Amino acid sequence: MAKTAWNAIITLGSIGSLNEISRTSLLEQARACLDLSRRILDTVGSEGDAGGPLVEIQVLNGLLKSESK
């Protein structure tokens, strides 16, 4: 879900179809989903191969932080 929100931010933003309110809402949704994903993986442990979901969470978290500046 976090990736889907991020993709919408990038896609809609690149074609000029994203107003500031929608952008802010999508960023909040992406952060909330990312936080929940992180909490789940912190509880159940890492999943998959090296470079799996935990690394993807870190990458997306970095992208979201850079987007809020």
N, C-alpha and C. Protein backbone atom coordinates (compact mmCIF):
# COMPACT_ATOMS: atom_id res chain seq x y z
N MET A 1 0.83 -1.18 0.00
CA MET A 1 0.00 0.00 0.00
C MET A 1 0.88 1.25 0.00
N ALA A 2 1.96 1.21 0.74
CA ALA A 2 2.87 2.37 0.78
C ALA A 2 3.47 2.62 -0.59
N LYS A 3 3.85 1.54 -1.27
CA LYS A 3 4.41 1.69 -2.62
C LYS A 3 3.37 2.23 -3.59
N THR A 4 2.14 1.79 -3.44
CA THR A 4 1.06 2.27 -4.31
C THR A 4 0.84 3.77 -4.12
N ALA A 5 0.83 4.22 -2.87
CA ALA A 5 0.68 5.66 -2.60
C ALA A 5 1.86 6.42 -3.17
N TRP A 6 3.07 5.89 -3.01
CA TRP A 6 4.27 6.55 -3.55
C TRP A 6 4.20 6.64 -5.07
N ASN A 7 3.80 5.54 -5.71
CA ASN A 7 3.69 5.55 -7.17
C ASN A 7 2.67 6.59 -7.64
N ALA A 8 1.57 6.73 -6.90
CA ALA A 8 0.57 7.74 -7.26
C ALA A 8 1.14 9.14 -7.12
N ILE A 9 1.90 9.39 -6.08
CA ILE A 9 2.53 10.71 -5.89
C ILE A 9 3.43 11.03 -7.07
N ILE A 10 4.25 10.10 -7.45
CA ILE A 10 5.21 10.33 -8.54
C ILE A 10 4.48 10.45 -9.88
N THR A 11 3.59 9.52 -10.16
CA THR A 11 2.90 9.51 -11.46
C THR A 11 2.01 10.73 -11.64
N LEU A 12 1.15 10.99 -10.66
CA LEU A 12 0.24 12.13 -10.79
C LEU A 12 0.99 13.46 -10.73
N GLY A 13 2.04 13.50 -9.93
CA GLY A 13 2.84 14.72 -9.86
C GLY A 13 3.56 15.03 -11.17
N SER A 14 4.00 14.00 -11.85
CA SER A 14 4.74 14.21 -13.10
C SER A 14 3.85 14.68 -14.25
N ILE A 15 2.55 14.39 -14.15
CA ILE A 15 1.65 14.85 -15.22
C ILE A 15 0.83 16.06 -14.78
N GLY A 16 1.15 16.60 -13.60
CA GLY A 16 0.51 17.81 -13.13
C GLY A 16 -0.91 17.63 -12.64
N SER A 17 -1.28 16.43 -12.27
CA SER A 17 -2.66 16.16 -11.83
C SER A 17 -2.79 16.06 -10.31
N LEU A 18 -1.80 16.54 -9.58
CA LEU A 18 -1.81 16.36 -8.14
C LEU A 18 -1.75 17.71 -7.46
N ASN A 19 -2.84 18.10 -6.77
CA ASN A 19 -2.80 19.35 -6.02
C ASN A 19 -2.13 19.11 -4.67
N GLU A 20 -1.84 20.18 -3.96
CA GLU A 20 -1.08 20.07 -2.71
C GLU A 20 -1.83 19.27 -1.64
N ILE A 21 -3.14 19.41 -1.58
CA ILE A 21 -3.93 18.67 -0.59
C ILE A 21 -3.87 17.17 -0.88
N SER A 22 -4.04 16.80 -2.14
CA SER A 22 -3.97 15.38 -2.51
C SER A 22 -2.58 14.82 -2.27
N ARG A 23 -1.56 15.60 -2.60
CA ARG A 23 -0.17 15.18 -2.41
C ARG A 23 0.09 14.92 -0.92
N THR A 24 -0.34 15.85 -0.08
CA THR A 24 -0.14 15.71 1.36
C THR A 24 -0.87 14.48 1.89
N SER A 25 -2.08 14.27 1.42
CA SER A 25 -2.86 13.10 1.84
C SER A 25 -2.17 11.80 1.43
N LEU A 26 -1.68 11.74 0.21
CA LEU A 26 -0.99 10.54 -0.26
C LEU A 26 0.30 10.30 0.52
N LEU A 27 1.03 11.38 0.83
CA LEU A 27 2.25 11.24 1.62
C LEU A 27 1.92 10.69 3.02
N GLU A 28 0.85 11.20 3.62
CA GLU A 28 0.44 10.71 4.94
C GLU A 28 0.04 9.25 4.88
N GLN A 29 -0.69 8.87 3.84
CA GLN A 29 -1.09 7.47 3.68
C GLN A 29 0.12 6.57 3.50
N ALA A 30 1.06 7.01 2.68
CA ALA A 30 2.26 6.21 2.44
C ALA A 30 3.04 6.03 3.73
N ARG A 31 3.19 7.11 4.50
CA ARG A 31 3.92 7.02 5.77
C ARG A 31 3.21 6.09 6.76
N ALA A 32 1.88 6.18 6.83
CA ALA A 32 1.12 5.32 7.75
C ALA A 32 1.27 3.85 7.37
N CYS A 33 1.14 3.55 6.10
CA CYS A 33 1.28 2.16 5.64
C CYS A 33 2.71 1.65 5.87
N LEU A 34 3.67 2.50 5.63
CA LEU A 34 5.06 2.13 5.82
C LEU A 34 5.34 1.86 7.30
N ASP A 35 4.79 2.68 8.17
CA ASP A 35 4.96 2.49 9.61
C ASP A 35 4.35 1.16 10.06
N LEU A 36 3.16 0.86 9.57
CA LEU A 36 2.52 -0.42 9.92
C LEU A 36 3.34 -1.60 9.41
N SER A 37 3.85 -1.49 8.20
CA SER A 37 4.68 -2.56 7.63
C SER A 37 5.92 -2.79 8.48
N ARG A 38 6.54 -1.70 8.87
CA ARG A 38 7.75 -1.78 9.69
C ARG A 38 7.44 -2.46 11.03
N ARG A 39 6.32 -2.07 11.65
CA ARG A 39 5.95 -2.67 12.94
C ARG A 39 5.71 -4.17 12.80
N ILE A 40 5.06 -4.56 11.74
CA ILE A 40 4.80 -5.99 11.51
C ILE A 40 6.10 -6.75 11.35
N LEU A 41 6.99 -6.24 10.51
CA LEU A 41 8.26 -6.93 10.28
C LEU A 41 9.16 -6.91 11.52
N ASP A 42 9.06 -5.85 12.33
CA ASP A 42 9.81 -5.83 13.59
C ASP A 42 9.31 -6.91 14.54
N THR A 43 8.02 -7.23 14.45
CA THR A 43 7.42 -8.24 15.31
C THR A 43 7.70 -9.65 14.82
N VAL A 44 7.47 -9.90 13.54
CA VAL A 44 7.60 -11.26 13.01
C VAL A 44 9.00 -11.57 12.49
N GLY A 45 9.81 -10.56 12.33
CA GLY A 45 11.16 -10.77 11.82
C GLY A 45 11.25 -10.54 10.33
N SER A 46 12.47 -10.49 9.85
CA SER A 46 12.67 -10.20 8.43
C SER A 46 12.11 -11.34 7.60
N GLU A 47 11.68 -11.00 6.41
CA GLU A 47 11.08 -11.96 5.49
C GLU A 47 11.92 -11.99 4.23
N GLY A 48 11.98 -13.12 3.60
CA GLY A 48 12.59 -13.21 2.28
C GLY A 48 14.10 -13.10 2.27
N ASP A 49 14.62 -12.82 1.10
CA ASP A 49 16.06 -12.75 0.88
C ASP A 49 16.64 -11.45 1.43
N ALA A 50 17.98 -11.42 1.43
CA ALA A 50 18.66 -10.16 1.74
C ALA A 50 18.21 -9.14 0.70
N GLY A 51 17.99 -7.93 1.14
CA GLY A 51 17.47 -6.93 0.21
C GLY A 51 15.97 -7.03 0.06
N GLY A 52 15.33 -7.75 0.97
CA GLY A 52 13.89 -7.96 0.92
C GLY A 52 13.10 -6.79 1.48
N PRO A 53 11.97 -7.08 2.10
CA PRO A 53 11.05 -6.05 2.55
C PRO A 53 11.65 -5.01 3.49
N LEU A 54 12.52 -5.42 4.41
CA LEU A 54 13.10 -4.43 5.32
C LEU A 54 13.94 -3.40 4.58
N VAL A 55 14.68 -3.84 3.58
CA VAL A 55 15.48 -2.91 2.79
C VAL A 55 14.56 -2.01 1.96
N GLU A 56 13.50 -2.59 1.41
CA GLU A 56 12.55 -1.79 0.64
C GLU A 56 11.89 -0.72 1.52
N ILE A 57 11.59 -1.08 2.76
CA ILE A 57 11.02 -0.11 3.70
C ILE A 57 12.01 1.04 3.93
N GLN A 58 13.27 0.71 4.10
CA GLN A 58 14.28 1.75 4.33
C GLN A 58 14.40 2.67 3.12
N VAL A 59 14.38 2.10 1.94
CA VAL A 59 14.49 2.90 0.72
C VAL A 59 13.28 3.83 0.59
N LEU A 60 12.09 3.29 0.74
CA LEU A 60 10.89 4.09 0.61
C LEU A 60 10.82 5.15 1.71
N ASN A 61 11.25 4.80 2.90
CA ASN A 61 11.28 5.77 4.00
C ASN A 61 12.20 6.94 3.65
N GLY A 62 13.34 6.65 3.06
CA GLY A 62 14.25 7.71 2.63
C GLY A 62 13.63 8.60 1.56
N LEU A 63 12.92 8.00 0.63
CA LEU A 63 12.26 8.76 -0.42
C LEU A 63 11.17 9.66 0.16
N LEU A 64 10.40 9.13 1.09
CA LEU A 64 9.34 9.93 1.72
C LEU A 64 9.92 11.08 2.53
N LYS A 65 11.03 10.84 3.22
CA LYS A 65 11.68 11.91 3.99
C LYS A 65 12.18 13.00 3.05
N SER A 66 12.77 12.61 1.93
CA SER A 66 13.28 13.62 0.99
C SER A 66 12.14 14.40 0.33
N GLU A 67 11.00 13.79 0.22
CA GLU A 67 9.83 14.43 -0.41
C GLU A 67 9.21 15.48 0.51
N SER A 68 9.40 15.33 1.81
CA SER A 68 8.78 16.25 2.75
C SER A 68 9.62 17.50 2.98
N LYS A 69 10.78 17.57 2.39
CA LYS A 69 11.66 18.74 2.56
C LYS A 69 11.30 19.83 1.60
